[in-house]
Amino acid sequence: DTIQIDTAAEVMGRRTNVGLQVEGDVRATIAAVLPLIKRKKNRKFLKGLLKKHNTVMSKVVGAYTTKPSKFQKIHPEYAASILNDVAADDAIFTADTGMCN
């Protein structure tokens, strides 16, 4: 299920089905939830999911992260890929393109 945290309740579920909607600040919500999460010793599920995610991102989003020609629009994914190259290793940023992958 998808969980969406947003301060604007009216936009929740606009682009994808949402199993749990949380109206609020993301930072405060994560700070409240993290202490309740226990790290699992068996990482098989996580490793499989990360591998699947990497495959999807390489095929689907990867098509948008190539340098555009002189007269093409720049996709948000391309801008994010450039930011990723220069950002700190612990930086977090997103680009909402409306794609549901």
N, C-alpha and C. Protein backbone atom coordinates (compact mmCIF):
# COMPACT_ATOMS: atom_id res chain seq x y z
N ASP A 1 0.82 -1.19 0.00
CA ASP A 1 0.00 0.00 0.00
C ASP A 1 0.87 1.26 0.00
N THR A 2 0.34 2.30 -0.58
CA THR A 2 1.01 3.59 -0.57
C THR A 2 0.56 4.39 0.64
N ILE A 3 1.52 5.01 1.31
CA ILE A 3 1.24 5.92 2.41
C ILE A 3 1.61 7.31 1.94
N GLN A 4 0.68 8.25 2.08
CA GLN A 4 0.96 9.63 1.68
C GLN A 4 0.84 10.54 2.89
N ILE A 5 1.90 11.32 3.11
CA ILE A 5 1.91 12.32 4.18
C ILE A 5 1.94 13.67 3.50
N ASP A 6 0.97 14.53 3.83
CA ASP A 6 0.89 15.83 3.18
C ASP A 6 0.16 16.80 4.09
N THR A 7 0.57 18.05 4.02
CA THR A 7 -0.12 19.08 4.81
C THR A 7 -1.41 19.54 4.11
N ALA A 8 -1.55 19.19 2.85
CA ALA A 8 -2.75 19.57 2.09
C ALA A 8 -3.59 18.33 1.84
N ALA A 9 -4.57 18.10 2.70
CA ALA A 9 -5.41 16.89 2.60
C ALA A 9 -6.12 16.78 1.26
N GLU A 10 -6.43 17.90 0.64
CA GLU A 10 -7.19 17.87 -0.62
C GLU A 10 -6.41 17.28 -1.79
N VAL A 11 -5.09 17.15 -1.68
CA VAL A 11 -4.30 16.59 -2.78
C VAL A 11 -3.98 15.11 -2.59
N MET A 12 -4.31 14.58 -1.44
CA MET A 12 -3.97 13.18 -1.18
C MET A 12 -4.76 12.25 -2.08
N GLY A 13 -4.06 11.28 -2.64
CA GLY A 13 -4.70 10.31 -3.52
C GLY A 13 -4.98 10.83 -4.91
N ARG A 14 -4.47 11.99 -5.24
CA ARG A 14 -4.74 12.59 -6.55
C ARG A 14 -4.11 11.79 -7.68
N ARG A 15 -2.91 11.25 -7.46
CA ARG A 15 -2.19 10.59 -8.55
C ARG A 15 -2.08 9.08 -8.41
N THR A 16 -2.40 8.55 -7.25
CA THR A 16 -2.33 7.11 -7.05
C THR A 16 -3.25 6.72 -5.91
N ASN A 17 -3.62 5.45 -5.86
CA ASN A 17 -4.42 4.98 -4.74
C ASN A 17 -3.57 5.03 -3.48
N VAL A 18 -4.17 5.52 -2.41
CA VAL A 18 -3.45 5.68 -1.15
C VAL A 18 -4.12 4.80 -0.09
N GLY A 19 -3.33 3.89 0.49
CA GLY A 19 -3.86 3.01 1.52
C GLY A 19 -3.96 3.69 2.87
N LEU A 20 -3.07 4.64 3.14
CA LEU A 20 -3.08 5.37 4.40
C LEU A 20 -2.74 6.83 4.12
N GLN A 21 -3.65 7.72 4.48
CA GLN A 21 -3.44 9.15 4.29
C GLN A 21 -3.16 9.78 5.66
N VAL A 22 -2.06 10.50 5.74
CA VAL A 22 -1.70 11.18 6.99
C VAL A 22 -1.60 12.67 6.69
N GLU A 23 -2.50 13.44 7.29
CA GLU A 23 -2.44 14.88 7.12
C GLU A 23 -1.50 15.45 8.17
N GLY A 24 -0.39 16.03 7.70
CA GLY A 24 0.57 16.59 8.64
C GLY A 24 1.91 16.85 8.00
N ASP A 25 2.84 17.25 8.82
CA ASP A 25 4.20 17.57 8.40
C ASP A 25 5.02 16.29 8.29
N VAL A 26 5.73 16.10 7.19
CA VAL A 26 6.50 14.88 6.97
C VAL A 26 7.58 14.72 8.04
N ARG A 27 8.33 15.77 8.34
CA ARG A 27 9.41 15.67 9.32
C ARG A 27 8.87 15.22 10.68
N ALA A 28 7.80 15.85 11.13
CA ALA A 28 7.22 15.51 12.43
C ALA A 28 6.66 14.08 12.43
N THR A 29 6.04 13.68 11.33
CA THR A 29 5.47 12.34 11.23
C THR A 29 6.57 11.29 11.26
N ILE A 30 7.62 11.48 10.48
CA ILE A 30 8.73 10.53 10.47
C ILE A 30 9.40 10.47 11.84
N ALA A 31 9.59 11.62 12.47
CA ALA A 31 10.20 11.65 13.80
C ALA A 31 9.37 10.87 14.80
N ALA A 32 8.06 10.91 14.67
CA ALA A 32 7.18 10.18 15.59
C ALA A 32 7.15 8.68 15.29
N VAL A 33 7.27 8.31 14.02
CA VAL A 33 7.15 6.90 13.62
C VAL A 33 8.47 6.13 13.76
N LEU A 34 9.60 6.75 13.46
CA LEU A 34 10.88 6.04 13.48
C LEU A 34 11.18 5.28 14.77
N PRO A 35 10.91 5.84 15.94
CA PRO A 35 11.20 5.09 17.16
C PRO A 35 10.36 3.81 17.31
N LEU A 36 9.28 3.71 16.57
CA LEU A 36 8.39 2.55 16.66
C LEU A 36 8.80 1.42 15.72
N ILE A 37 9.75 1.70 14.83
CA ILE A 37 10.16 0.71 13.83
C ILE A 37 11.37 -0.06 14.33
N LYS A 38 11.27 -1.38 14.27
CA LYS A 38 12.38 -2.23 14.68
C LYS A 38 13.08 -2.78 13.44
N ARG A 39 14.39 -2.72 13.44
CA ARG A 39 15.18 -3.24 12.33
C ARG A 39 15.08 -4.76 12.29
N LYS A 40 14.81 -5.29 11.11
CA LYS A 40 14.72 -6.74 10.96
C LYS A 40 16.09 -7.31 10.63
N LYS A 41 16.36 -8.48 11.16
CA LYS A 41 17.64 -9.13 10.90
C LYS A 41 17.67 -9.75 9.50
N ASN A 42 16.55 -10.31 9.07
CA ASN A 42 16.47 -10.92 7.74
C ASN A 42 16.23 -9.82 6.72
N ARG A 43 17.20 -9.58 5.85
CA ARG A 43 17.14 -8.50 4.87
C ARG A 43 16.73 -8.98 3.47
N LYS A 44 16.31 -10.24 3.35
CA LYS A 44 15.98 -10.82 2.05
C LYS A 44 14.89 -10.01 1.33
N PHE A 45 13.81 -9.70 2.03
CA PHE A 45 12.72 -8.95 1.41
C PHE A 45 13.20 -7.58 0.94
N LEU A 46 13.93 -6.87 1.80
CA LEU A 46 14.44 -5.55 1.45
C LEU A 46 15.37 -5.61 0.25
N LYS A 47 16.29 -6.55 0.25
CA LYS A 47 17.22 -6.68 -0.88
C LYS A 47 16.48 -6.95 -2.18
N GLY A 48 15.48 -7.82 -2.14
CA GLY A 48 14.70 -8.11 -3.35
C GLY A 48 13.94 -6.90 -3.84
N LEU A 49 13.34 -6.17 -2.91
CA LEU A 49 12.59 -4.97 -3.28
C LEU A 49 13.50 -3.89 -3.84
N LEU A 50 14.68 -3.71 -3.25
CA LEU A 50 15.62 -2.72 -3.76
C LEU A 50 16.12 -3.08 -5.15
N LYS A 51 16.32 -4.38 -5.39
CA LYS A 51 16.75 -4.83 -6.72
C LYS A 51 15.66 -4.55 -7.76
N LYS A 52 14.40 -4.85 -7.40
CA LYS A 52 13.28 -4.59 -8.31
C LYS A 52 13.15 -3.09 -8.57
N HIS A 53 13.26 -2.29 -7.53
CA HIS A 53 13.17 -0.84 -7.66
C HIS A 53 14.26 -0.30 -8.58
N ASN A 54 15.47 -0.78 -8.40
CA ASN A 54 16.59 -0.34 -9.24
C ASN A 54 16.34 -0.68 -10.71
N THR A 55 15.80 -1.85 -10.97
CA THR A 55 15.49 -2.25 -12.34
C THR A 55 14.44 -1.32 -12.95
N VAL A 56 13.38 -1.06 -12.20
CA VAL A 56 12.31 -0.19 -12.69
C VAL A 56 12.83 1.23 -12.93
N MET A 57 13.61 1.73 -11.98
CA MET A 57 14.12 3.09 -12.12
C MET A 57 15.08 3.20 -13.31
N SER A 58 15.87 2.16 -13.53
CA SER A 58 16.81 2.20 -14.66
C SER A 58 16.09 2.20 -15.99
N LYS A 59 15.02 1.41 -16.09
CA LYS A 59 14.30 1.31 -17.35
C LYS A 59 13.34 2.47 -17.57
N VAL A 60 12.51 2.76 -16.59
CA VAL A 60 11.46 3.75 -16.76
C VAL A 60 12.00 5.17 -16.61
N VAL A 61 12.56 5.46 -15.46
CA VAL A 61 13.04 6.81 -15.18
C VAL A 61 14.35 7.07 -15.92
N GLY A 62 15.13 6.05 -16.12
CA GLY A 62 16.40 6.20 -16.82
C GLY A 62 16.25 6.83 -18.19
N ALA A 63 15.10 6.58 -18.81
CA ALA A 63 14.85 7.16 -20.13
C ALA A 63 14.77 8.69 -20.07
N TYR A 64 14.47 9.22 -18.90
CA TYR A 64 14.33 10.67 -18.75
C TYR A 64 15.56 11.34 -18.16
N THR A 65 16.59 10.55 -17.83
CA THR A 65 17.75 11.14 -17.17
C THR A 65 18.94 11.34 -18.10
N THR A 66 18.72 11.16 -19.38
CA THR A 66 19.78 11.45 -20.34
C THR A 66 19.78 12.95 -20.66
N LYS A 67 20.94 13.44 -20.97
CA LYS A 67 21.07 14.87 -21.27
C LYS A 67 20.22 15.22 -22.49
N PRO A 68 19.36 16.24 -22.36
CA PRO A 68 18.49 16.61 -23.49
C PRO A 68 19.28 17.30 -24.60
N SER A 69 18.72 17.19 -25.81
CA SER A 69 19.34 17.94 -26.90
C SER A 69 19.04 19.43 -26.69
N LYS A 70 19.63 20.25 -27.52
CA LYS A 70 19.55 21.70 -27.34
C LYS A 70 18.12 22.24 -27.24
N PHE A 71 17.18 21.64 -27.96
CA PHE A 71 15.83 22.20 -28.03
C PHE A 71 14.78 21.36 -27.32
N GLN A 72 15.19 20.44 -26.47
CA GLN A 72 14.23 19.63 -25.72
C GLN A 72 13.98 20.23 -24.34
N LYS A 73 12.81 19.92 -23.80
CA LYS A 73 12.51 20.31 -22.42
C LYS A 73 13.35 19.44 -21.48
N ILE A 74 13.70 19.98 -20.35
CA ILE A 74 14.44 19.21 -19.34
C ILE A 74 13.42 18.55 -18.43
N HIS A 75 13.49 17.23 -18.31
CA HIS A 75 12.60 16.49 -17.43
C HIS A 75 13.07 16.64 -15.98
N PRO A 76 12.13 16.63 -15.03
CA PRO A 76 12.51 16.73 -13.61
C PRO A 76 13.49 15.62 -13.20
N GLU A 77 13.35 14.45 -13.81
CA GLU A 77 14.25 13.34 -13.48
C GLU A 77 15.69 13.67 -13.86
N TYR A 78 15.87 14.37 -14.98
CA TYR A 78 17.22 14.75 -15.40
C TYR A 78 17.81 15.76 -14.41
N ALA A 79 17.01 16.73 -14.01
CA ALA A 79 17.48 17.71 -13.03
C ALA A 79 17.84 17.01 -11.72
N ALA A 80 17.02 16.05 -11.29
CA ALA A 80 17.32 15.32 -10.05
C ALA A 80 18.59 14.50 -10.19
N SER A 81 18.83 13.93 -11.37
CA SER A 81 20.05 13.14 -11.56
C SER A 81 21.30 14.02 -11.49
N ILE A 82 21.20 15.24 -11.99
CA ILE A 82 22.33 16.18 -11.91
C ILE A 82 22.55 16.60 -10.46
N LEU A 83 21.46 16.90 -9.76
CA LEU A 83 21.57 17.24 -8.34
C LEU A 83 22.19 16.09 -7.55
N ASN A 84 21.80 14.87 -7.88
CA ASN A 84 22.34 13.70 -7.19
C ASN A 84 23.85 13.60 -7.35
N ASP A 85 24.35 14.00 -8.49
CA ASP A 85 25.80 13.95 -8.74
C ASP A 85 26.58 14.91 -7.85
N VAL A 86 25.96 16.02 -7.46
CA VAL A 86 26.68 17.03 -6.68
C VAL A 86 26.23 17.12 -5.22
N ALA A 87 25.17 16.40 -4.87
CA ALA A 87 24.62 16.48 -3.52
C ALA A 87 25.46 15.67 -2.54
N ALA A 88 25.34 16.01 -1.27
CA ALA A 88 25.99 15.23 -0.22
C ALA A 88 25.40 13.82 -0.19
N ASP A 89 26.18 12.86 0.29
CA ASP A 89 25.72 11.47 0.32
C ASP A 89 24.45 11.27 1.15
N ASP A 90 24.25 12.10 2.15
CA ASP A 90 23.07 11.94 3.00
C ASP A 90 21.93 12.90 2.63
N ALA A 91 22.04 13.56 1.48
CA ALA A 91 20.98 14.48 1.04
C ALA A 91 19.77 13.70 0.54
N ILE A 92 18.60 14.25 0.78
CA ILE A 92 17.35 13.65 0.30
C ILE A 92 16.59 14.71 -0.48
N PHE A 93 16.19 14.38 -1.70
CA PHE A 93 15.36 15.28 -2.50
C PHE A 93 14.52 14.45 -3.42
N THR A 94 13.40 14.99 -3.88
CA THR A 94 12.49 14.26 -4.73
C THR A 94 12.04 15.12 -5.89
N ALA A 95 11.52 14.47 -6.91
CA ALA A 95 10.87 15.16 -8.03
C ALA A 95 9.54 14.48 -8.27
N ASP A 96 8.46 15.19 -8.11
CA ASP A 96 7.13 14.62 -8.31
C ASP A 96 6.73 14.84 -9.75
N THR A 97 6.79 13.78 -10.53
CA THR A 97 6.47 13.88 -11.95
C THR A 97 5.07 13.40 -12.26
N GLY A 98 4.41 12.83 -11.26
CA GLY A 98 3.07 12.30 -11.49
C GLY A 98 3.08 10.88 -12.02
N MET A 99 4.26 10.32 -12.27
CA MET A 99 4.35 8.94 -12.74
C MET A 99 4.09 8.02 -11.55
N CYS A 100 3.34 6.99 -11.73
CA CYS A 100 3.01 6.07 -10.64
C CYS A 100 3.81 4.77 -10.79
N ASN A 101 5.10 4.85 -10.66
CA ASN A 101 5.90 3.65 -10.76
C ASN A 101 6.60 3.47 -9.45
